Amino acid sequence: MESYLINKDELLTVISMGQQSITVRGAGGFEYHAKCLPTHSSLQAMPLQLQDILRVMHVNPDRSAVVERVTHGSPDGCQYMLYDYVPVSKHD
């Protein structure tokens, strides 16, 4: 099961969006559903959009991760907290 965990420096692509949740695709094609909010330092961040790329900056043991959006190949300073993330079953 450990291969399903999000890892530091992994790049995630936003593939689906809800009110305060997203689905991202990571390394190896693994997908995760997660709740998502801007971090305190990025409260003015632009909302995420489909196909945004996120770099995992920090992974916490409580199934949360701080990510930063990457635009034009560089981090743009907008940080978000992904939390309560779970792998998507191949049967979803």
PDB file of N, CA and C in Angstrom:
ATOM      1  N   MET A   1       0.818  -1.196   0.000  1.00  0.00           N
ATOM      2  CA  MET A   1       0.000   0.000   0.000  1.00  0.00           C
ATOM      3  C   MET A   1       0.860   1.258   0.000  1.00  0.00           C
ATOM      4  N   GLU A   2       2.090   1.181   0.441  1.00  0.00           N
ATOM      5  CA  GLU A   2       2.923   2.364   0.548  1.00  0.00           C
ATOM      6  C   GLU A   2       3.175   3.043  -0.794  1.00  0.00           C
ATOM      7  N   SER A   3       3.105   2.297  -1.897  1.00  0.00           N
ATOM      8  CA  SER A   3       3.316   2.913  -3.201  1.00  0.00           C
ATOM      9  C   SER A   3       2.191   3.879  -3.554  1.00  0.00           C
ATOM     10  N   TYR A   4       1.096   3.860  -2.785  1.00  0.00           N
ATOM     11  CA  TYR A   4      -0.035   4.749  -3.045  1.00  0.00           C
ATOM     12  C   TYR A   4       0.084   6.068  -2.296  1.00  0.00           C
ATOM     13  N   LEU A   5       1.112   6.260  -1.493  1.00  0.00           N
ATOM     14  CA  LEU A   5       1.242   7.485  -0.718  1.00  0.00           C
ATOM     15  C   LEU A   5       1.833   8.596  -1.571  1.00  0.00           C
ATOM     16  N   ILE A   6       1.388   9.812  -1.281  1.00  0.00           N
ATOM     17  CA  ILE A   6       1.954  10.985  -1.940  1.00  0.00           C
ATOM     18  C   ILE A   6       3.342  11.233  -1.356  1.00  0.00           C
ATOM     19  N   ASN A   7       4.298  11.567  -2.214  1.00  0.00           N
ATOM     20  CA  ASN A   7       5.684  11.758  -1.788  1.00  0.00           C
ATOM     21  C   ASN A   7       6.141  13.188  -2.013  1.00  0.00           C
ATOM     22  N   LYS A   8       7.077  13.625  -1.168  1.00  0.00           N
ATOM     23  CA  LYS A   8       7.677  14.958  -1.313  1.00  0.00           C
ATOM     24  C   LYS A   8       8.278  15.092  -2.708  1.00  0.00           C
ATOM     25  N   ASP A   9       8.114  16.248  -3.309  1.00  0.00           N
ATOM     26  CA  ASP A   9       8.608  16.612  -4.638  1.00  0.00           C
ATOM     27  C   ASP A   9       7.858  15.937  -5.785  1.00  0.00           C
ATOM     28  N   GLU A  10       6.859  15.123  -5.476  1.00  0.00           N
ATOM     29  CA  GLU A  10       6.042  14.514  -6.522  1.00  0.00           C
ATOM     30  C   GLU A  10       5.228  15.607  -7.223  1.00  0.00           C
ATOM     31  N   LEU A  11       5.029  15.450  -8.511  1.00  0.00           N
ATOM     32  CA  LEU A  11       4.179  16.363  -9.265  1.00  0.00           C
ATOM     33  C   LEU A  11       2.800  15.735  -9.410  1.00  0.00           C
ATOM     34  N   LEU A  12       1.775  16.507  -9.089  1.00  0.00           N
ATOM     35  CA  LEU A  12       0.391  16.055  -9.171  1.00  0.00           C
ATOM     36  C   LEU A  12      -0.337  16.931 -10.181  1.00  0.00           C
ATOM     37  N   THR A  13      -1.220  16.337 -10.958  1.00  0.00           N
ATOM     38  CA  THR A  13      -2.027  17.070 -11.931  1.00  0.00           C
ATOM     39  C   THR A  13      -3.476  17.045 -11.481  1.00  0.00           C
ATOM     40  N   VAL A  14      -4.111  18.207 -11.440  1.00  0.00           N
ATOM     41  CA  VAL A  14      -5.526  18.300 -11.078  1.00  0.00           C
ATOM     42  C   VAL A  14      -6.351  17.763 -12.250  1.00  0.00           C
ATOM     43  N   ILE A  15      -7.137  16.699 -11.997  1.00  0.00           N
ATOM     44  CA  ILE A  15      -7.919  16.092 -13.086  1.00  0.00           C
ATOM     45  C   ILE A  15      -9.424  16.220 -12.881  1.00  0.00           C
ATOM     46  N   SER A  16      -9.859  16.618 -11.671  1.00  0.00           N
ATOM     47  CA  SER A  16     -11.280  16.785 -11.390  1.00  0.00           C
ATOM     48  C   SER A  16     -11.416  17.728 -10.207  1.00  0.00           C
ATOM     49  N   MET A  17     -12.525  18.482 -10.185  1.00  0.00           N
ATOM     50  CA  MET A  17     -12.712  19.445  -9.102  1.00  0.00           C
ATOM     51  C   MET A  17     -14.144  19.425  -8.597  1.00  0.00           C
ATOM     52  N   GLY A  18     -14.288  19.650  -7.274  1.00  0.00           N
ATOM     53  CA  GLY A  18     -15.587  19.809  -6.645  1.00  0.00           C
ATOM     54  C   GLY A  18     -15.589  21.103  -5.856  1.00  0.00           C
ATOM     55  N   GLN A  19     -16.531  21.256  -4.925  1.00  0.00           N
ATOM     56  CA  GLN A  19     -16.617  22.476  -4.116  1.00  0.00           C
ATOM     57  C   GLN A  19     -15.316  22.754  -3.365  1.00  0.00           C
ATOM     58  N   GLN A  20     -14.904  21.842  -2.500  1.00  0.00           N
ATOM     59  CA  GLN A  20     -13.643  21.992  -1.760  1.00  0.00           C
ATOM     60  C   GLN A  20     -12.807  20.726  -1.846  1.00  0.00           C
ATOM     61  N   SER A  21     -13.030  19.953  -2.896  1.00  0.00           N
ATOM     62  CA  SER A  21     -12.247  18.738  -3.075  1.00  0.00           C
ATOM     63  C   SER A  21     -11.768  18.661  -4.517  1.00  0.00           C
ATOM     64  N   ILE A  22     -10.700  17.925  -4.695  1.00  0.00           N
ATOM     65  CA  ILE A  22     -10.138  17.744  -6.029  1.00  0.00           C
ATOM     66  C   ILE A  22      -9.722  16.288  -6.182  1.00  0.00           C
ATOM     67  N   THR A  23      -9.497  15.893  -7.403  1.00  0.00           N
ATOM     68  CA  THR A  23      -8.860  14.618  -7.706  1.00  0.00           C
ATOM     69  C   THR A  23      -7.585  14.958  -8.459  1.00  0.00           C
ATOM     70  N   VAL A  24      -6.493  14.342  -8.029  1.00  0.00           N
ATOM     71  CA  VAL A  24      -5.196  14.580  -8.665  1.00  0.00           C
ATOM     72  C   VAL A  24      -4.621  13.260  -9.134  1.00  0.00           C
ATOM     73  N   ARG A  25      -3.771  13.333 -10.158  1.00  0.00           N
ATOM     74  CA  ARG A  25      -3.054  12.160 -10.652  1.00  0.00           C
ATOM     75  C   ARG A  25      -1.582  12.389 -10.375  1.00  0.00           C
ATOM     76  N   GLY A  26      -0.953  11.404  -9.747  1.00  0.00           N
ATOM     77  CA  GLY A  26       0.452  11.507  -9.400  1.00  0.00           C
ATOM     78  C   GLY A  26       1.317  10.547 -10.184  1.00  0.00           C
ATOM     79  N   ALA A  27       2.509  10.314  -9.659  1.00  0.00           N
ATOM     80  CA  ALA A  27       3.476   9.426 -10.291  1.00  0.00           C
ATOM     81  C   ALA A  27       2.882   8.036 -10.476  1.00  0.00           C
ATOM     82  N   GLY A  28       3.206   7.422 -11.557  1.00  0.00           N
ATOM     83  CA  GLY A  28       2.733   6.073 -11.817  1.00  0.00           C
ATOM     84  C   GLY A  28       1.254   6.008 -12.159  1.00  0.00           C
ATOM     85  N   GLY A  29       0.614   7.167 -12.348  1.00  0.00           N
ATOM     86  CA  GLY A  29      -0.795   7.184 -12.705  1.00  0.00           C
ATOM     87  C   GLY A  29      -1.751   7.027 -11.541  1.00  0.00           C
ATOM     88  N   PHE A  30      -1.227   6.971 -10.312  1.00  0.00           N
ATOM     89  CA  PHE A  30      -2.099   6.845  -9.146  1.00  0.00           C
ATOM     90  C   PHE A  30      -2.927   8.106  -8.981  1.00  0.00           C
ATOM     91  N   GLU A  31      -4.199   7.926  -8.630  1.00  0.00           N
ATOM     92  CA  GLU A  31      -5.101   9.061  -8.438  1.00  0.00           C
ATOM     93  C   GLU A  31      -5.557   9.124  -6.992  1.00  0.00           C
ATOM     94  N   TYR A  32      -5.803  10.350  -6.524  1.00  0.00           N
ATOM     95  CA  TYR A  32      -6.207  10.593  -5.139  1.00  0.00           C
ATOM     96  C   TYR A  32      -7.355  11.594  -5.114  1.00  0.00           C
ATOM     97  N   HIS A  33      -8.347  11.336  -4.265  1.00  0.00           N
ATOM     98  CA  HIS A  33      -9.356  12.337  -3.921  1.00  0.00           C
ATOM     99  C   HIS A  33      -8.821  13.051  -2.690  1.00  0.00           C
ATOM    100  N   ALA A  34      -8.957  14.368  -2.633  1.00  0.00           N
ATOM    101  CA  ALA A  34      -8.477  15.132  -1.474  1.00  0.00           C
ATOM    102  C   ALA A  34      -9.317  16.376  -1.277  1.00  0.00           C
ATOM    103  N   LYS A  35      -9.430  16.787  -0.031  1.00  0.00           N
ATOM    104  CA  LYS A  35      -9.984  18.104   0.262  1.00  0.00           C
ATOM    105  C   LYS A  35      -8.839  19.089   0.069  1.00  0.00           C
ATOM    106  N   CYS A  36      -9.164  20.309  -0.312  1.00  0.00           N
ATOM    107  CA  CYS A  36      -8.112  21.257  -0.664  1.00  0.00           C
ATOM    108  C   CYS A  36      -8.508  22.663  -0.251  1.00  0.00           C
ATOM    109  N   LEU A  37      -7.593  23.343   0.432  1.00  0.00           N
ATOM    110  CA  LEU A  37      -7.778  24.734   0.827  1.00  0.00           C
ATOM    111  C   LEU A  37      -6.466  25.485   0.642  1.00  0.00           C
ATOM    112  N   PRO A  38      -6.530  26.791   0.336  1.00  0.00           N
ATOM    113  CA  PRO A  38      -5.287  27.568   0.290  1.00  0.00           C
ATOM    114  C   PRO A  38      -4.667  27.606   1.695  1.00  0.00           C
ATOM    115  N   THR A  39      -3.350  27.641   1.764  1.00  0.00           N
ATOM    116  CA  THR A  39      -2.695  27.774   3.066  1.00  0.00           C
ATOM    117  C   THR A  39      -2.905  29.196   3.573  1.00  0.00           C
ATOM    118  N   HIS A  40      -2.652  29.404   4.851  1.00  0.00           N
ATOM    119  CA  HIS A  40      -2.817  30.724   5.463  1.00  0.00           C
ATOM    120  C   HIS A  40      -2.013  31.785   4.716  1.00  0.00           C
ATOM    121  N   SER A  41      -0.824  31.417   4.271  1.00  0.00           N
ATOM    122  CA  SER A  41       0.033  32.388   3.579  1.00  0.00           C
ATOM    123  C   SER A  41      -0.429  32.643   2.143  1.00  0.00           C
ATOM    124  N   SER A  42      -1.374  31.838   1.649  1.00  0.00           N
ATOM    125  CA  SER A  42      -1.837  31.990   0.265  1.00  0.00           C
ATOM    126  C   SER A  42      -3.345  32.191   0.185  1.00  0.00           C
ATOM    127  N   LEU A  43      -3.928  32.846   1.170  1.00  0.00           N
ATOM    128  CA  LEU A  43      -5.376  33.024   1.173  1.00  0.00           C
ATOM    129  C   LEU A  43      -5.871  33.786  -0.059  1.00  0.00           C
ATOM    130  N   GLN A  44      -5.024  34.600  -0.656  1.00  0.00           N
ATOM    131  CA  GLN A  44      -5.402  35.347  -1.849  1.00  0.00           C
ATOM    132  C   GLN A  44      -5.055  34.586  -3.137  1.00  0.00           C
ATOM    133  N   ALA A  45      -4.669  33.325  -3.008  1.00  0.00           N
ATOM    134  CA  ALA A  45      -4.274  32.532  -4.173  1.00  0.00           C
ATOM    135  C   ALA A  45      -5.446  32.363  -5.137  1.00  0.00           C
ATOM    136  N   MET A  46      -5.138  32.334  -6.392  1.00  0.00           N
ATOM    137  CA  MET A  46      -6.154  32.063  -7.407  1.00  0.00           C
ATOM    138  C   MET A  46      -6.634  30.623  -7.232  1.00  0.00           C
ATOM    139  N   PRO A  47      -7.917  30.372  -7.476  1.00  0.00           N
ATOM    140  CA  PRO A  47      -8.427  29.007  -7.349  1.00  0.00           C
ATOM    141  C   PRO A  47      -7.712  28.056  -8.305  1.00  0.00           C
ATOM    142  N   LEU A  48      -7.605  26.821  -7.886  1.00  0.00           N
ATOM    143  CA  LEU A  48      -7.030  25.811  -8.766  1.00  0.00           C
ATOM    144  C   LEU A  48      -7.950  25.587  -9.954  1.00  0.00           C
ATOM    145  N   GLN A  49      -7.354  25.137 -11.048  1.00  0.00           N
ATOM    146  CA  GLN A  49      -8.101  24.833 -12.263  1.00  0.00           C
ATOM    147  C   GLN A  49      -7.695  23.456 -12.756  1.00  0.00           C
ATOM    148  N   LEU A  50      -8.548  22.878 -13.598  1.00  0.00           N
ATOM    149  CA  LEU A  50      -8.206  21.592 -14.206  1.00  0.00           C
ATOM    150  C   LEU A  50      -6.872  21.698 -14.927  1.00  0.00           C
ATOM    151  N   GLN A  51      -6.085  20.672 -14.822  1.00  0.00           N
ATOM    152  CA  GLN A  51      -4.764  20.539 -15.440  1.00  0.00           C
ATOM    153  C   GLN A  51      -3.671  21.339 -14.743  1.00  0.00           C
ATOM    154  N   ASP A  52      -3.976  22.033 -13.636  1.00  0.00           N
ATOM    155  CA  ASP A  52      -2.902  22.674 -12.864  1.00  0.00           C
ATOM    156  C   ASP A  52      -1.943  21.608 -12.369  1.00  0.00           C
ATOM    157  N   ILE A  53      -0.678  21.960 -12.311  1.00  0.00           N
ATOM    158  CA  ILE A  53       0.374  21.081 -11.800  1.00  0.00           C
ATOM    159  C   ILE A  53       0.728  21.551 -10.395  1.00  0.00           C
ATOM    160  N   LEU A  54       0.805  20.601  -9.462  1.00  0.00           N
ATOM    161  CA  LEU A  54       1.144  20.897  -8.072  1.00  0.00           C
ATOM    162  C   LEU A  54       2.386  20.118  -7.688  1.00  0.00           C
ATOM    163  N   ARG A  55       3.344  20.783  -7.044  1.00  0.00           N
ATOM    164  CA  ARG A  55       4.533  20.099  -6.516  1.00  0.00           C
ATOM    165  C   ARG A  55       4.338  19.911  -5.024  1.00  0.00           C
ATOM    166  N   VAL A  56       4.539  18.689  -4.565  1.00  0.00           N
ATOM    167  CA  VAL A  56       4.394  18.388  -3.138  1.00  0.00           C
ATOM    168  C   VAL A  56       5.612  18.934  -2.409  1.00  0.00           C
ATOM    169  N   MET A  57       5.362  19.860  -1.488  1.00  0.00           N
ATOM    170  CA  MET A  57       6.444  20.488  -0.734  1.00  0.00           C
ATOM    171  C   MET A  57       6.702  19.791   0.593  1.00  0.00           C
ATOM    172  N   HIS A  58       5.640  19.336   1.244  1.00  0.00           N
ATOM    173  CA  HIS A  58       5.770  18.710   2.563  1.00  0.00           C
ATOM    174  C   HIS A  58       4.637  17.713   2.746  1.00  0.00           C
ATOM    175  N   VAL A  59       4.968  16.535   3.251  1.00  0.00           N
ATOM    176  CA  VAL A  59       3.963  15.503   3.531  1.00  0.00           C
ATOM    177  C   VAL A  59       3.899  15.304   5.037  1.00  0.00           C
ATOM    178  N   ASN A  60       2.694  15.328   5.584  1.00  0.00           N
ATOM    179  CA  ASN A  60       2.478  15.108   7.016  1.00  0.00           C
ATOM    180  C   ASN A  60       1.977  13.686   7.251  1.00  0.00           C
ATOM    181  N   PRO A  61       2.244  13.125   8.423  1.00  0.00           N
ATOM    182  CA  PRO A  61       1.803  11.754   8.705  1.00  0.00           C
ATOM    183  C   PRO A  61       0.289  11.608   8.842  1.00  0.00           C
ATOM    184  N   ASP A  62      -0.441  12.719   8.928  1.00  0.00           N
ATOM    185  CA  ASP A  62      -1.902  12.657   9.105  1.00  0.00           C
ATOM    186  C   ASP A  62      -2.653  12.667   7.770  1.00  0.00           C
ATOM    187  N   ARG A  63      -2.008  12.253   6.699  1.00  0.00           N
ATOM    188  CA  ARG A  63      -2.586  12.242   5.351  1.00  0.00           C
ATOM    189  C   ARG A  63      -2.951  13.640   4.873  1.00  0.00           C
ATOM    190  N   SER A  64      -2.024  14.553   5.092  1.00  0.00           N
ATOM    191  CA  SER A  64      -2.147  15.893   4.523  1.00  0.00           C
ATOM    192  C   SER A  64      -0.812  16.253   3.885  1.00  0.00           C
ATOM    193  N   ALA A  65      -0.869  17.190   2.962  1.00  0.00           N
ATOM    194  CA  ALA A  65       0.349  17.601   2.265  1.00  0.00           C
ATOM    195  C   ALA A  65       0.209  19.059   1.847  1.00  0.00           C
ATOM    196  N   VAL A  66       1.317  19.792   1.932  1.00  0.00           N
ATOM    197  CA  VAL A  66       1.371  21.157   1.424  1.00  0.00           C
ATOM    198  C   VAL A  66       1.907  21.073   0.002  1.00  0.00           C
ATOM    199  N   VAL A  67       1.175  21.687  -0.930  1.00  0.00           N
ATOM    200  CA  VAL A  67       1.576  21.677  -2.338  1.00  0.00           C
ATOM    201  C   VAL A  67       1.664  23.112  -2.844  1.00  0.00           C
ATOM    202  N   GLU A  68       2.453  23.302  -3.880  1.00  0.00           N
ATOM    203  CA  GLU A  68       2.571  24.618  -4.508  1.00  0.00           C
ATOM    204  C   GLU A  68       2.302  24.455  -5.997  1.00  0.00           C
ATOM    205  N   ARG A  69       1.503  25.363  -6.541  1.00  0.00           N
ATOM    206  CA  ARG A  69       1.190  25.301  -7.975  1.00  0.00           C
ATOM    207  C   ARG A  69       2.422  25.684  -8.782  1.00  0.00           C
ATOM    208  N   VAL A  70       2.600  25.004  -9.896  1.00  0.00           N
ATOM    209  CA  VAL A  70       3.696  25.269 -10.821  1.00  0.00           C
ATOM    210  C   VAL A  70       3.079  25.785 -12.115  1.00  0.00           C
ATOM    211  N   THR A  71       3.470  26.991 -12.516  1.00  0.00           N
ATOM    212  CA  THR A  71       2.999  27.537 -13.790  1.00  0.00           C
ATOM    213  C   THR A  71       4.203  27.928 -14.628  1.00  0.00           C
ATOM    214  N   HIS A  72       4.132  27.655 -15.898  1.00  0.00           N
ATOM    215  CA  HIS A  72       5.228  27.965 -16.828  1.00  0.00           C
ATOM    216  C   HIS A  72       6.551  27.381 -16.337  1.00  0.00           C
ATOM    217  N   GLY A  73       6.492  26.191 -15.707  1.00  0.00           N
ATOM    218  CA  GLY A  73       7.699  25.490 -15.279  1.00  0.00           C
ATOM    219  C   GLY A  73       8.297  25.927 -13.960  1.00  0.00           C
ATOM    220  N   SER A  74       7.685  26.933 -13.296  1.00  0.00           N
ATOM    221  CA  SER A  74       8.227  27.425 -12.031  1.00  0.00           C
ATOM    222  C   SER A  74       7.111  27.553 -10.997  1.00  0.00           C
ATOM    223  N   PRO A  75       7.443  27.353  -9.709  1.00  0.00           N
ATOM    224  CA  PRO A  75       6.441  27.579  -8.660  1.00  0.00           C
ATOM    225  C   PRO A  75       5.936  29.017  -8.720  1.00  0.00           C
ATOM    226  N   ASP A  76       4.613  29.211  -8.524  1.00  0.00           N
ATOM    227  CA  ASP A  76       4.068  30.575  -8.605  1.00  0.00           C
ATOM    228  C   ASP A  76       3.750  31.174  -7.237  1.00  0.00           C
ATOM    229  N   GLY A  77       4.108  30.483  -6.156  1.00  0.00           N
ATOM    230  CA  GLY A  77       3.909  31.016  -4.814  1.00  0.00           C
ATOM    231  C   GLY A  77       2.565  30.689  -4.192  1.00  0.00           C
ATOM    232  N   CYS A  78       1.629  30.131  -4.965  1.00  0.00           N
ATOM    233  CA  CYS A  78       0.314  29.770  -4.425  1.00  0.00           C
ATOM    234  C   CYS A  78       0.393  28.379  -3.806  1.00  0.00           C
ATOM    235  N   GLN A  79       0.166  28.317  -2.503  1.00  0.00           N
ATOM    236  CA  GLN A  79       0.256  27.055  -1.779  1.00  0.00           C
ATOM    237  C   GLN A  79      -1.116  26.629  -1.285  1.00  0.00           C
ATOM    238  N   TYR A  80      -1.300  25.326  -1.240  1.00  0.00           N
ATOM    239  CA  TYR A  80      -2.569  24.734  -0.836  1.00  0.00           C
ATOM    240  C   TYR A  80      -2.294  23.559   0.094  1.00  0.00           C
ATOM    241  N   MET A  81      -3.262  23.280   0.957  1.00  0.00           N
ATOM    242  CA  MET A  81      -3.197  22.107   1.826  1.00  0.00           C
ATOM    243  C   MET A  81      -4.132  21.061   1.250  1.00  0.00           C
ATOM    244  N   LEU A  82      -3.574  19.903   0.900  1.00  0.00           N
ATOM    245  CA  LEU A  82      -4.392  18.742   0.548  1.00  0.00           C
ATOM    246  C   LEU A  82      -4.529  17.927   1.824  1.00  0.00           C
ATOM    247  N   TYR A  83      -5.751  17.546   2.175  1.00  0.00           N
ATOM    248  CA  TYR A  83      -5.928  16.758   3.391  1.00  0.00           C
ATOM    249  C   TYR A  83      -7.021  15.723   3.188  1.00  0.00           C
ATOM    250  N   ASP A  84      -7.023  14.729   4.074  1.00  0.00           N
ATOM    251  CA  ASP A  84      -7.948  13.598   3.971  1.00  0.00           C
ATOM    252  C   ASP A  84      -7.858  12.947   2.589  1.00  0.00           C
ATOM    253  N   TYR A  85      -6.639  12.898   2.031  1.00  0.00           N
ATOM    254  CA  TYR A  85      -6.526  12.303   0.704  1.00  0.00           C
ATOM    255  C   TYR A  85      -6.559  10.785   0.790  1.00  0.00           C
ATOM    256  N   VAL A  86      -7.194  10.196  -0.194  1.00  0.00           N
ATOM    257  CA  VAL A  86      -7.306   8.735  -0.271  1.00  0.00           C
ATOM    258  C   VAL A  86      -7.081   8.314  -1.712  1.00  0.00           C
ATOM    259  N   PRO A  87      -6.439   7.162  -1.911  1.00  0.00           N
ATOM    260  CA  PRO A  87      -6.273   6.666  -3.270  1.00  0.00           C
ATOM    261  C   PRO A  87      -7.634   6.357  -3.887  1.00  0.00           C
ATOM    262  N   VAL A  88      -7.749   6.607  -5.173  1.00  0.00           N
ATOM    263  CA  VAL A  88      -8.965   6.263  -5.909  1.00  0.00           C
ATOM    264  C   VAL A  88      -8.866   4.804  -6.301  1.00  0.00           C
ATOM    265  N   SER A  89      -9.881   4.067  -5.996  1.00  0.00           N
ATOM    266  CA  SER A  89      -9.927   2.663  -6.388  1.00  0.00           C
ATOM    267  C   SER A  89      -9.984   2.569  -7.892  1.00  0.00           C
ATOM    268  N   LYS A  90      -9.369   1.566  -8.450  1.00  0.00           N
ATOM    269  CA  LYS A  90      -9.426   1.367  -9.896  1.00  0.00           C
ATOM    270  C   LYS A  90     -10.853   1.055 -10.359  1.00  0.00           C
ATOM    271  N   HIS A  91     -11.760   0.782  -9.386  1.00  0.00           N
ATOM    272  CA  HIS A  91     -13.142   0.470  -9.701  1.00  0.00           C
ATOM    273  C   HIS A  91     -14.046   1.675  -9.564  1.00  0.00           C
ATOM    274  N   ASP A  92     -13.503   2.875  -9.174  1.00  0.00           N
ATOM    275  CA  ASP A  92     -14.333   4.092  -9.053  1.00  0.00           C
ATOM    276  C   ASP A  92     -14.743   4.614 -10.409  1.00  0.00           C
TER     277      ASP A  92
END
